[in-house]
Every structure is written in structure tokens, then in C-alpha cells.
Amino acid sequence: MVLYTSGTTGPSKGALCSYLHSWSMKNGFQHHRDDDRHLVPLPLFHATGAITTYCALARGGSIALVDGFDTRAFWDLVRRYEITTVGLLGVMTQFLLKQPPGPQDRDHTLRSVLVVPVDADTPRFAERFGVDTFTIFNMTEISIPLFAGPNPSLPGVCGRVRAGFEVRLVDEHDIEVGPGEVGEMILRTDMPWAVSHGYLNDPAATARTWRNGWFHTGDSFRVDAEGNYFFVDRLKDSVRRRGENVSSFEVENEIATHPDVREGRRDRRPQRAWRGRGHGRGGARPRPDHRPRPP
């Protein structure tokens, strides 16, 4: 299977995902049960939607595949399909929390919610709706090296290293950083094929990412004395939008396809409307011969 990445270092790359890679994901979702029914509100071309589906199949569970996430319809879908588990971006839980409280807040079958990323509102979400929350760190190319829960309370925590993974935080020379210092997360597994084995038709990117025998995530982290890992930032040219990595390269190229635009740029200025790191705004420089159209 080929799943495309967010394209944070240029055009999106096709990650080669073996059957064993997909199967290994289920070991990372430690809160899943064999009889769970999963709600899948994300598209199957997105790693999260595809991974959720494969994990349900691997465990013998079931899914309800719906046409996107809708705040007002969410709990009705949970009740209608008797959903027991779901994965949500952190901003989705904020949308649900903003709905008026009511007597049906706990009248549902939902048992567990994977929240990425965890923030200060996550414990309030768990308490109001009577669910257990969990969180992970993952990428299209890997298979959930970090897991936390039930009910992690440290804002920004991504979890602790799970069995089967070896994780290091390193500098630009792959030398391990000191305690409490920020470094790029690199990792490897004790089982062959448990992560992606390369990028489609891109041996150079494969070699860069897997240099020195370790997979380089391109993400900087710090780790506390208890072994909890916290995401700090992307090392490459990308922004975060509603919990997702977005390629600045591809946004700028798309802007530049407009016939009246000579150059496009996306920066990292924060927007108050969304919580999280790296939200930005787009900008464009018109062509010299551009004449504004009247409104």
C-alpha cells in the first residue's frame, strides 16, 4: 500500500507500507478491544482513516465510515451506530465542548477517544462526556512509537515509548542530546517491516530519512524524567493546521498557479481562531501587469 505524507519537506512523498507495517499499528493502539466499533470520520487516503480501518480489521472489530466530521451530528452518529471508540484531532474535541451541555452528554456507547494533540481541555472533555482519553505520536511512515493513557493530563504530552521501539533525541549530527534538551526524534524497531521501507520512486529521500540505520522523524521533542515525550516543533518547512502538518511548499505552489499571481508565500504567524503551533497566513505578490477587477 502507498500512503502519501503531508509533504513537509517538499512535494508529498508516497510512503511504502507493507502489510506487516499496517498490522503493527494495532499494537500501538493499546486502548482498542477486539469487539470495538470504530467511527471513521476521516478520509481513507489520510493515514489516520486508513490505519483505523486496518486496525479494526486486524482485531476483528467493525467500523462506521461516515462522510466527514460534523460537530452537530457527532453524538447522533455515535448512538445510531453504537460506536465504542474514535480518534479525534484536538480541535474536534474543542468543537464538541463548545456545544451546550445537556442531559444526553453521557447517554451514549462511546468508551474511548484518541485525542491528538492533548491540551488543557482534554481532561474536561473526558469528564463531561464520561469517556477515557488516550494519545499517541505517529507518522504515515511509522507505527505509533509513543502512547499515553488512560486520561493523560499533561498538556502537549505524546506518550512514552512502547515495547518494540528504540527512540533517541539527537542533534544535527545524530549525537544524542543531554537530559532535558530538545532534539530530533529518531527511531527503529525490533521487528522488520514494522515501519515503512521507503518512499515510492524516491531513493534519495529514503536514504536521507533512514541515514545511519535510524528513521529520522523531522520532529523535535523533549523528554521529562518520567519518560514522557513532548512535541516541540517540526524541523522542516511546514505549518500546523488543526493538528495536521501542512506543506508550505505545496500551499505556495498552489497559490502561484493563479494566473494573476507571480509569487506565493505562507508564513508562521499565529492566528487566534485556532489553538496550536504553527498556524499561518498566506500571501501573494501579483504580477506586474495585474489589474484588479472591480468588486
C-alpha atoms as a PDB file:
ATOM      1  CA  MET A   1       0.000   0.000   0.000  1.00  0.00           C
ATOM      2  CA  VAL A   2       1.139   3.565  -0.704  1.00  0.00           C
ATOM      3  CA  LEU A   3       0.037   6.368   1.625  1.00  0.00           C
ATOM      4  CA  TYR A   4       1.078   9.932   0.890  1.00  0.00           C
ATOM      5  CA  THR A   5       2.705  12.102   3.536  1.00  0.00           C
ATOM      6  CA  SER A   6       1.896  15.715   4.391  1.00  0.00           C
ATOM      7  CA  GLY A   7       4.771  16.900   2.196  1.00  0.00           C
ATOM      8  CA  THR A   8       6.542  18.909   4.899  1.00  0.00           C
ATOM      9  CA  THR A   9       9.902  18.902   3.074  1.00  0.00           C
ATOM     10  CA  GLY A  10       8.574  19.462  -0.451  1.00  0.00           C
ATOM     11  CA  PRO A  11       6.047  17.573  -2.565  1.00  0.00           C
ATOM     12  CA  SER A  12       4.162  14.821  -0.743  1.00  0.00           C
ATOM     13  CA  LYS A  13       6.022  11.513  -0.775  1.00  0.00           C
ATOM     14  CA  GLY A  14       4.451   8.104  -1.251  1.00  0.00           C
ATOM     15  CA  ALA A  15       5.301   6.028   1.822  1.00  0.00           C
ATOM     16  CA  LEU A  16       5.566   2.311   1.071  1.00  0.00           C
ATOM     17  CA  CYS A  17       3.550   0.488   3.731  1.00  0.00           C
ATOM     18  CA  SER A  18       3.800  -3.283   3.885  1.00  0.00           C
ATOM     19  CA  TYR A  19       1.040  -5.486   5.263  1.00  0.00           C
ATOM     20  CA  LEU A  20       3.151  -6.038   8.383  1.00  0.00           C
ATOM     21  CA  HIS A  21       3.554  -2.277   8.803  1.00  0.00           C
ATOM     22  CA  SER A  22      -0.234  -1.839   8.731  1.00  0.00           C
ATOM     23  CA  TRP A  23      -0.742  -4.814  11.043  1.00  0.00           C
ATOM     24  CA  SER A  24       1.818  -3.429  13.513  1.00  0.00           C
ATOM     25  CA  MET A  25      -0.322  -0.349  14.070  1.00  0.00           C
ATOM     26  CA  LYS A  26      -2.767  -2.327  16.164  1.00  0.00           C
ATOM     27  CA  ASN A  27      -0.076  -2.941  18.771  1.00  0.00           C
ATOM     28  CA  GLY A  28       0.289   0.808  19.158  1.00  0.00           C
ATOM     29  CA  PHE A  29      -3.405   1.425  19.796  1.00  0.00           C
ATOM     30  CA  GLN A  30      -3.279  -0.196  23.215  1.00  0.00           C
ATOM     31  CA  HIS A  31      -6.752   1.036  24.181  1.00  0.00           C
ATOM     32  CA  HIS A  32      -8.537  -0.836  21.366  1.00  0.00           C
ATOM     33  CA  ARG A  33     -10.544  -4.000  22.067  1.00  0.00           C
ATOM     34  CA  ASP A  34     -11.422  -6.823  19.703  1.00  0.00           C
ATOM     35  CA  ASP A  35     -15.152  -6.034  19.907  1.00  0.00           C
ATOM     36  CA  ASP A  36     -14.815  -2.268  19.364  1.00  0.00           C
ATOM     37  CA  ARG A  37     -16.840  -0.441  16.759  1.00  0.00           C
ATOM     38  CA  HIS A  38     -14.786   2.422  15.343  1.00  0.00           C
ATOM     39  CA  LEU A  39     -16.157   5.665  13.963  1.00  0.00           C
ATOM     40  CA  VAL A  40     -14.069   6.755  10.950  1.00  0.00           C
ATOM     41  CA  PRO A  41     -14.793  10.427  10.128  1.00  0.00           C
ATOM     42  CA  LEU A  42     -11.532  10.954   8.218  1.00  0.00           C
ATOM     43  CA  PRO A  43     -10.863  10.018   4.561  1.00  0.00           C
ATOM     44  CA  LEU A  44      -9.173   6.724   3.736  1.00  0.00           C
ATOM     45  CA  PHE A  45      -6.415   8.459   1.759  1.00  0.00           C
ATOM     46  CA  HIS A  46      -5.416  10.022   5.093  1.00  0.00           C
ATOM     47  CA  ALA A  47      -3.182   7.836   7.245  1.00  0.00           C
ATOM     48  CA  THR A  48      -5.478   8.115  10.281  1.00  0.00           C
ATOM     49  CA  GLY A  49      -8.564   6.941   8.394  1.00  0.00           C
ATOM     50  CA  ALA A  50      -6.707   4.077   6.719  1.00  0.00           C
ATOM     51  CA  ILE A  51      -4.906   2.990   9.893  1.00  0.00           C
ATOM     52  CA  THR A  52      -8.111   2.953  11.949  1.00  0.00           C
ATOM     53  CA  THR A  53      -9.774   0.753   9.356  1.00  0.00           C
ATOM     54  CA  TYR A  54      -6.869  -1.713   9.176  1.00  0.00           C
ATOM     55  CA  CYS A  55      -6.626  -1.936  12.964  1.00  0.00           C
ATOM     56  CA  ALA A  56     -10.322  -2.774  13.230  1.00  0.00           C
ATOM     57  CA  LEU A  57      -9.902  -5.495  10.597  1.00  0.00           C
ATOM     58  CA  ALA A  58      -6.807  -6.909  12.303  1.00  0.00           C
ATOM     59  CA  ARG A  59      -8.663  -7.218  15.617  1.00  0.00           C
ATOM     60  CA  GLY A  60     -11.923  -8.484  14.145  1.00  0.00           C
ATOM     61  CA  GLY A  61     -13.835  -5.327  15.052  1.00  0.00           C
ATOM     62  CA  SER A  62     -16.114  -3.177  12.905  1.00  0.00           C
ATOM     63  CA  ILE A  63     -16.210   0.386  11.570  1.00  0.00           C
ATOM     64  CA  ALA A  64     -18.771   3.010  10.664  1.00  0.00           C
ATOM     65  CA  LEU A  65     -17.353   5.024   7.758  1.00  0.00           C
ATOM     66  CA  VAL A  66     -19.054   8.436   7.651  1.00  0.00           C
ATOM     67  CA  ASP A  67     -18.821  11.410   5.323  1.00  0.00           C
ATOM     68  CA  GLY A  68     -16.593  13.671   7.398  1.00  0.00           C
ATOM     69  CA  PHE A  69     -16.742  15.164  10.870  1.00  0.00           C
ATOM     70  CA  ASP A  70     -19.817  17.198  11.793  1.00  0.00           C
ATOM     71  CA  THR A  71     -19.991  18.685  15.283  1.00  0.00           C
ATOM     72  CA  ARG A  72     -23.791  18.715  15.468  1.00  0.00           C
ATOM     73  CA  ALA A  73     -24.202  15.187  14.074  1.00  0.00           C
ATOM     74  CA  PHE A  74     -21.358  13.539  16.004  1.00  0.00           C
ATOM     75  CA  TRP A  75     -23.226  12.215  19.045  1.00  0.00           C
ATOM     76  CA  ASP A  76     -26.232  11.138  16.967  1.00  0.00           C
ATOM     77  CA  LEU A  77     -23.860   9.023  14.851  1.00  0.00           C
ATOM     78  CA  VAL A  78     -22.263   7.538  17.954  1.00  0.00           C
ATOM     79  CA  ARG A  79     -25.669   6.499  19.286  1.00  0.00           C
ATOM     80  CA  ARG A  80     -27.048   5.296  15.940  1.00  0.00           C
ATOM     81  CA  TYR A  81     -24.081   3.028  15.145  1.00  0.00           C
ATOM     82  CA  GLU A  82     -23.268   2.129  18.779  1.00  0.00           C
ATOM     83  CA  ILE A  83     -19.715   3.440  18.435  1.00  0.00           C
ATOM     84  CA  THR A  84     -17.303   2.461  21.215  1.00  0.00           C
ATOM     85  CA  THR A  85     -14.071   4.183  20.106  1.00  0.00           C
ATOM     86  CA  VAL A  86     -12.983   7.050  17.854  1.00  0.00           C
ATOM     87  CA  GLY A  87      -9.896   9.077  17.028  1.00  0.00           C
ATOM     88  CA  LEU A  88     -10.259  12.876  17.027  1.00  0.00           C
ATOM     89  CA  LEU A  89      -7.953  15.791  16.366  1.00  0.00           C
ATOM     90  CA  GLY A  90      -7.714  18.069  19.377  1.00  0.00           C
ATOM     91  CA  VAL A  91      -9.632  20.837  17.628  1.00  0.00           C
ATOM     92  CA  MET A  92     -12.575  18.446  17.123  1.00  0.00           C
ATOM     93  CA  THR A  93     -12.878  17.901  20.880  1.00  0.00           C
ATOM     94  CA  GLN A  94     -12.900  21.681  21.325  1.00  0.00           C
ATOM     95  CA  PHE A  95     -15.788  21.959  18.858  1.00  0.00           C
ATOM     96  CA  LEU A  96     -17.718  19.328  20.811  1.00  0.00           C
ATOM     97  CA  LEU A  97     -17.010  21.038  24.134  1.00  0.00           C
ATOM     98  CA  LYS A  98     -18.434  24.285  22.771  1.00  0.00           C
ATOM     99  CA  GLN A  99     -21.829  22.656  22.246  1.00  0.00           C
ATOM    100  CA  PRO A 100     -24.346  23.475  25.019  1.00  0.00           C
ATOM    101  CA  PRO A 101     -24.269  20.910  27.872  1.00  0.00           C
ATOM    102  CA  GLY A 102     -27.307  18.663  28.091  1.00  0.00           C
ATOM    103  CA  PRO A 103     -28.736  15.576  29.772  1.00  0.00           C
ATOM    104  CA  GLN A 104     -27.565  13.377  26.859  1.00  0.00           C
ATOM    105  CA  ASP A 105     -23.880  14.204  27.297  1.00  0.00           C
ATOM    106  CA  ARG A 106     -23.262  10.753  28.790  1.00  0.00           C
ATOM    107  CA  ASP A 107     -26.104   8.924  27.073  1.00  0.00           C
ATOM    108  CA  HIS A 108     -24.006   7.059  24.506  1.00  0.00           C
ATOM    109  CA  THR A 109     -21.904   3.942  23.916  1.00  0.00           C
ATOM    110  CA  LEU A 110     -18.560   5.684  23.412  1.00  0.00           C
ATOM    111  CA  ARG A 111     -15.882   4.229  25.693  1.00  0.00           C
ATOM    112  CA  SER A 112     -12.529   5.596  24.492  1.00  0.00           C
ATOM    113  CA  VAL A 113     -11.343   8.593  22.480  1.00  0.00           C
ATOM    114  CA  LEU A 114      -7.897   9.029  20.958  1.00  0.00           C
ATOM    115  CA  VAL A 115      -7.081  12.770  21.110  1.00  0.00           C
ATOM    116  CA  VAL A 116      -4.161  14.260  19.147  1.00  0.00           C
ATOM    117  CA  PRO A 117      -2.814  16.543  20.460  1.00  0.00           C
ATOM    118  CA  VAL A 118      -3.708  16.584  24.143  1.00  0.00           C
ATOM    119  CA  ASP A 119      -4.296  20.079  25.536  1.00  0.00           C
ATOM    120  CA  ALA A 120      -5.618  21.683  28.710  1.00  0.00           C
ATOM    121  CA  ASP A 121      -9.234  20.972  27.657  1.00  0.00           C
ATOM    122  CA  THR A 122      -8.761  17.219  27.193  1.00  0.00           C
ATOM    123  CA  PRO A 123      -9.451  16.297  30.871  1.00  0.00           C
ATOM    124  CA  ARG A 124     -12.588  18.441  30.752  1.00  0.00           C
ATOM    125  CA  PHE A 125     -13.743  16.567  27.637  1.00  0.00           C
ATOM    126  CA  ALA A 126     -13.232  13.208  29.366  1.00  0.00           C
ATOM    127  CA  GLU A 127     -15.107  14.319  32.483  1.00  0.00           C
ATOM    128  CA  ARG A 128     -18.060  15.890  30.682  1.00  0.00           C
ATOM    129  CA  PHE A 129     -18.716  13.007  28.288  1.00  0.00           C
ATOM    130  CA  GLY A 130     -17.697  10.147  30.574  1.00  0.00           C
ATOM    131  CA  VAL A 131     -15.007   8.673  28.314  1.00  0.00           C
ATOM    132  CA  ASP A 132     -11.378   7.657  28.697  1.00  0.00           C
ATOM    133  CA  THR A 133      -8.930   9.618  26.565  1.00  0.00           C
ATOM    134  CA  PHE A 134      -5.621   8.471  25.093  1.00  0.00           C
ATOM    135  CA  THR A 135      -2.989   9.996  22.857  1.00  0.00           C
ATOM    136  CA  ILE A 136      -0.128   8.920  20.588  1.00  0.00           C
ATOM    137  CA  PHE A 137       2.619  10.176  18.353  1.00  0.00           C
ATOM    138  CA  ASN A 138       2.645   8.750  14.860  1.00  0.00           C
ATOM    139  CA  MET A 139       3.527   9.456  11.244  1.00  0.00           C
ATOM    140  CA  THR A 140       2.467   7.845   7.980  1.00  0.00           C
ATOM    141  CA  GLU A 141       5.816   6.053   7.813  1.00  0.00           C
ATOM    142  CA  ILE A 142       5.919   4.546  11.317  1.00  0.00           C
ATOM    143  CA  SER A 143       3.670   2.581  13.673  1.00  0.00           C
ATOM    144  CA  ILE A 144       2.928   4.515  16.857  1.00  0.00           C
ATOM    145  CA  PRO A 145       6.139   4.589  18.895  1.00  0.00           C
ATOM    146  CA  LEU A 146       4.579   6.699  21.676  1.00  0.00           C
ATOM    147  CA  PHE A 147       1.361   6.032  23.608  1.00  0.00           C
ATOM    148  CA  ALA A 148      -0.246   7.646  26.687  1.00  0.00           C
ATOM    149  CA  GLY A 149      -3.360   6.925  28.684  1.00  0.00           C
ATOM    150  CA  PRO A 150      -5.853   6.471  30.042  1.00  0.00           C
ATOM    151  CA  ASN A 151      -6.592  10.149  30.616  1.00  0.00           C
ATOM    152  CA  PRO A 152      -3.204  11.870  30.182  1.00  0.00           C
ATOM    153  CA  SER A 153      -3.284  15.229  31.968  1.00  0.00           C
ATOM    154  CA  LEU A 154      -0.009  16.852  30.857  1.00  0.00           C
ATOM    155  CA  PRO A 155      -0.762  19.339  28.040  1.00  0.00           C
ATOM    156  CA  GLY A 156       1.230  18.523  24.923  1.00  0.00           C
ATOM    157  CA  VAL A 157       2.306  15.057  26.050  1.00  0.00           C
ATOM    158  CA  CYS A 158       2.659  12.494  23.267  1.00  0.00           C
ATOM    159  CA  GLY A 159       3.286   9.435  25.430  1.00  0.00           C
ATOM    160  CA  ARG A 160       6.055   7.066  26.436  1.00  0.00           C
ATOM    161  CA  VAL A 161       7.984   4.685  24.215  1.00  0.00           C
ATOM    162  CA  ARG A 162       6.095   1.440  23.712  1.00  0.00           C
ATOM    163  CA  ALA A 163       7.567  -2.043  23.549  1.00  0.00           C
ATOM    164  CA  GLY A 164       9.254  -2.859  20.242  1.00  0.00           C
ATOM    165  CA  PHE A 165      10.668   0.637  19.638  1.00  0.00           C
ATOM    166  CA  GLU A 166      14.008   2.242  20.375  1.00  0.00           C
ATOM    167  CA  VAL A 167      13.910   6.056  20.436  1.00  0.00           C
ATOM    168  CA  ARG A 168      16.662   8.682  20.688  1.00  0.00           C
ATOM    169  CA  LEU A 169      16.697  12.501  20.664  1.00  0.00           C
ATOM    170  CA  VAL A 170      19.688  13.774  18.690  1.00  0.00           C
ATOM    171  CA  ASP A 171      21.354  16.881  17.275  1.00  0.00           C
ATOM    172  CA  GLU A 172      22.083  17.561  13.586  1.00  0.00           C
ATOM    173  CA  HIS A 173      24.988  15.086  13.704  1.00  0.00           C
ATOM    174  CA  ASP A 174      22.876  12.272  15.201  1.00  0.00           C
ATOM    175  CA  ILE A 175      24.628  12.721  18.566  1.00  0.00           C
ATOM    176  CA  GLU A 176      22.267  12.193  21.481  1.00  0.00           C
ATOM    177  CA  VAL A 177      21.337  15.420  23.303  1.00  0.00           C
ATOM    178  CA  GLY A 178      21.588  15.840  27.052  1.00  0.00           C
ATOM    179  CA  PRO A 179      18.781  15.342  29.611  1.00  0.00           C
ATOM    180  CA  GLY A 180      16.048  17.949  29.213  1.00  0.00           C
ATOM    181  CA  GLU A 181      17.414  19.227  25.887  1.00  0.00           C
ATOM    182  CA  VAL A 182      15.421  19.394  22.657  1.00  0.00           C
ATOM    183  CA  GLY A 183      16.464  17.078  19.834  1.00  0.00           C
ATOM    184  CA  GLU A 184      15.155  15.406  16.709  1.00  0.00           C
ATOM    185  CA  MET A 185      13.402  12.102  17.386  1.00  0.00           C
ATOM    186  CA  ILE A 186      14.933   9.174  15.547  1.00  0.00           C
ATOM    187  CA  LEU A 187      13.799   5.585  15.981  1.00  0.00           C
ATOM    188  CA  ARG A 188      13.989   1.978  14.897  1.00  0.00           C
ATOM    189  CA  THR A 189      12.042  -1.196  15.656  1.00  0.00           C
ATOM    190  CA  ASP A 190      12.962  -4.681  16.822  1.00  0.00           C
ATOM    191  CA  MET A 191      10.749  -6.289  14.150  1.00  0.00           C
ATOM    192  CA  PRO A 192      11.492  -5.994  10.413  1.00  0.00           C
ATOM    193  CA  TRP A 193       8.847  -4.284   8.225  1.00  0.00           C
ATOM    194  CA  ALA A 194       7.099  -2.726  11.249  1.00  0.00           C
ATOM    195  CA  VAL A 195       7.597   0.705   9.664  1.00  0.00           C
ATOM    196  CA  SER A 196       7.703   1.982   6.092  1.00  0.00           C
ATOM    197  CA  HIS A 197      10.506   0.553   3.971  1.00  0.00           C
ATOM    198  CA  GLY A 198      10.961   3.650   1.811  1.00  0.00           C
ATOM    199  CA  TYR A 199       9.379   6.217  -0.500  1.00  0.00           C
ATOM    200  CA  LEU A 200       7.886   5.424  -3.879  1.00  0.00           C
ATOM    201  CA  ASN A 201      10.358   6.213  -6.693  1.00  0.00           C
ATOM    202  CA  ASP A 202      12.453   8.368  -4.352  1.00  0.00           C
ATOM    203  CA  PRO A 203      15.604   6.525  -3.239  1.00  0.00           C
ATOM    204  CA  ALA A 204      17.342   9.777  -2.267  1.00  0.00           C
ATOM    205  CA  ALA A 205      14.606  10.702   0.228  1.00  0.00           C
ATOM    206  CA  THR A 206      14.641   7.134   1.543  1.00  0.00           C
ATOM    207  CA  ALA A 207      18.405   7.325   2.152  1.00  0.00           C
ATOM    208  CA  ARG A 208      18.154  10.718   3.874  1.00  0.00           C
ATOM    209  CA  THR A 209      15.345   9.616   6.157  1.00  0.00           C
ATOM    210  CA  TRP A 210      16.944   6.282   7.082  1.00  0.00           C
ATOM    211  CA  ARG A 211      20.539   7.524   7.434  1.00  0.00           C
ATOM    212  CA  ASN A 212      22.771   5.775   9.971  1.00  0.00           C
ATOM    213  CA  GLY A 213      20.224   2.980  10.308  1.00  0.00           C
ATOM    214  CA  TRP A 214      17.631   5.128  12.105  1.00  0.00           C
ATOM    215  CA  PHE A 215      14.369   6.629  10.852  1.00  0.00           C
ATOM    216  CA  HIS A 216      14.550  10.424  11.181  1.00  0.00           C
ATOM    217  CA  THR A 217      11.134  11.877  12.008  1.00  0.00           C
ATOM    218  CA  GLY A 218      11.976  15.526  11.289  1.00  0.00           C
ATOM    219  CA  ASP A 219      10.244  16.421  14.585  1.00  0.00           C
ATOM    220  CA  SER A 220      11.919  17.894  17.636  1.00  0.00           C
ATOM    221  CA  PHE A 221      10.962  16.630  21.097  1.00  0.00           C
ATOM    222  CA  ARG A 222      11.942  16.857  24.710  1.00  0.00           C
ATOM    223  CA  VAL A 223      11.535  14.134  27.337  1.00  0.00           C
ATOM    224  CA  ASP A 224      11.000  14.526  31.078  1.00  0.00           C
ATOM    225  CA  ALA A 225      12.458  12.467  33.925  1.00  0.00           C
ATOM    226  CA  GLU A 226       9.475  10.071  33.845  1.00  0.00           C
ATOM    227  CA  GLY A 227       9.956   9.238  30.164  1.00  0.00           C
ATOM    228  CA  ASN A 228       7.088  11.370  28.834  1.00  0.00           C
ATOM    229  CA  TYR A 229       7.818  12.816  25.392  1.00  0.00           C
ATOM    230  CA  PHE A 230       6.573  16.255  24.352  1.00  0.00           C
ATOM    231  CA  PHE A 231       6.369  17.511  20.768  1.00  0.00           C
ATOM    232  CA  VAL A 232       8.232  20.814  20.316  1.00  0.00           C
ATOM    233  CA  ASP A 233       8.167  21.633  16.586  1.00  0.00           C
ATOM    234  CA  ARG A 234       8.760  20.465  13.035  1.00  0.00           C
ATOM    235  CA  LEU A 235      12.332  20.917  11.845  1.00  0.00           C
ATOM    236  CA  LYS A 236      11.298  21.461   8.234  1.00  0.00           C
ATOM    237  CA  ASP A 237       9.262  23.889   6.189  1.00  0.00           C
ATOM    238  CA  SER A 238       5.727  23.195   7.349  1.00  0.00           C
ATOM    239  CA  VAL A 239       2.912  24.604   9.449  1.00  0.00           C
ATOM    240  CA  ARG A 240       0.357  23.036  11.756  1.00  0.00           C
ATOM    241  CA  ARG A 241      -3.318  23.486  10.840  1.00  0.00           C
ATOM    242  CA  ARG A 242      -5.972  21.989  13.142  1.00  0.00           C
ATOM    243  CA  GLY A 243      -3.497  19.367  14.335  1.00  0.00           C
ATOM    244  CA  GLU A 244      -2.235  18.450  10.858  1.00  0.00           C
ATOM    245  CA  ASN A 245       1.132  19.079   9.207  1.00  0.00           C
ATOM    246  CA  VAL A 246       0.682  21.136   6.043  1.00  0.00           C
ATOM    247  CA  SER A 247       3.406  21.579   3.442  1.00  0.00           C
ATOM    248  CA  SER A 248       4.277  25.245   2.925  1.00  0.00           C
ATOM    249  CA  PHE A 249       5.845  24.191  -0.403  1.00  0.00           C
ATOM    250  CA  GLU A 250       2.574  22.814  -1.756  1.00  0.00           C
ATOM    251  CA  VAL A 251       0.435  25.712  -0.446  1.00  0.00           C
ATOM    252  CA  GLU A 252       2.769  28.245  -2.051  1.00  0.00           C
ATOM    253  CA  ASN A 253       2.816  26.317  -5.345  1.00  0.00           C
ATOM    254  CA  GLU A 254      -0.981  26.174  -5.383  1.00  0.00           C
ATOM    255  CA  ILE A 255      -1.230  29.940  -4.826  1.00  0.00           C
ATOM    256  CA  ALA A 256       1.224  30.505  -7.660  1.00  0.00           C
ATOM    257  CA  THR A 257      -0.978  28.614 -10.159  1.00  0.00           C
ATOM    258  CA  HIS A 258      -3.400  31.560 -10.215  1.00  0.00           C
ATOM    259  CA  PRO A 259      -2.813  33.495 -13.449  1.00  0.00           C
ATOM    260  CA  ASP A 260      -2.626  36.844 -11.607  1.00  0.00           C
ATOM    261  CA  VAL A 261      -0.068  35.686  -9.018  1.00  0.00           C
ATOM    262  CA  ARG A 262       3.692  35.882  -9.559  1.00  0.00           C
ATOM    263  CA  GLU A 263       4.804  34.544  -6.192  1.00  0.00           C
ATOM    264  CA  GLY A 264       3.134  32.954  -3.177  1.00  0.00           C
ATOM    265  CA  ARG A 265       4.269  32.684   0.431  1.00  0.00           C
ATOM    266  CA  ARG A 266       2.956  31.077   3.590  1.00  0.00           C
ATOM    267  CA  ASP A 267       4.317  32.244   6.934  1.00  0.00           C
ATOM    268  CA  ARG A 268       4.036  31.050  10.529  1.00  0.00           C
ATOM    269  CA  ARG A 269       2.253  33.990  12.155  1.00  0.00           C
ATOM    270  CA  PRO A 270      -0.223  32.640  14.737  1.00  0.00           C
ATOM    271  CA  GLN A 271      -3.968  33.018  14.315  1.00  0.00           C
ATOM    272  CA  ARG A 272      -6.145  33.455  17.356  1.00  0.00           C
ATOM    273  CA  ALA A 273      -9.007  31.440  15.906  1.00  0.00           C
ATOM    274  CA  TRP A 274      -7.150  28.139  16.295  1.00  0.00           C
ATOM    275  CA  ARG A 275      -5.103  26.799  19.128  1.00  0.00           C
ATOM    276  CA  GLY A 276      -1.833  25.052  18.441  1.00  0.00           C
ATOM    277  CA  ARG A 277       1.569  25.607  16.950  1.00  0.00           C
ATOM    278  CA  GLY A 278       2.438  26.923  13.540  1.00  0.00           C
ATOM    279  CA  HIS A 279      -0.870  28.168  12.150  1.00  0.00           C
ATOM    280  CA  GLY A 280      -0.163  30.695   9.441  1.00  0.00           C
ATOM    281  CA  ARG A 281      -1.499  33.011   6.815  1.00  0.00           C
ATOM    282  CA  GLY A 282      -0.991  33.023   3.074  1.00  0.00           C
ATOM    283  CA  GLY A 283       0.298  35.887   0.997  1.00  0.00           C
ATOM    284  CA  ALA A 284       0.752  36.518  -2.720  1.00  0.00           C
ATOM    285  CA  ARG A 285       2.601  39.016  -4.897  1.00  0.00           C
ATOM    286  CA  PRO A 286       0.608  39.966  -8.019  1.00  0.00           C
ATOM    287  CA  ARG A 287       2.117  40.015 -11.478  1.00  0.00           C
ATOM    288  CA  PRO A 288       3.354  43.446 -12.648  1.00  0.00           C
ATOM    289  CA  ASP A 289       0.668  43.624 -15.353  1.00  0.00           C
ATOM    290  CA  HIS A 290      -2.150  42.634 -12.978  1.00  0.00           C
ATOM    291  CA  ARG A 291      -5.181  44.911 -12.968  1.00  0.00           C
ATOM    292  CA  PRO A 292      -7.544  44.457 -10.017  1.00  0.00           C
ATOM    293  CA  ARG A 293     -11.042  43.505 -11.029  1.00  0.00           C
ATOM    294  CA  PRO A 294     -13.851  45.731  -9.723  1.00  0.00           C
ATOM    295  CA  PRO A 295     -15.940  44.141  -6.940  1.00  0.00           C
END
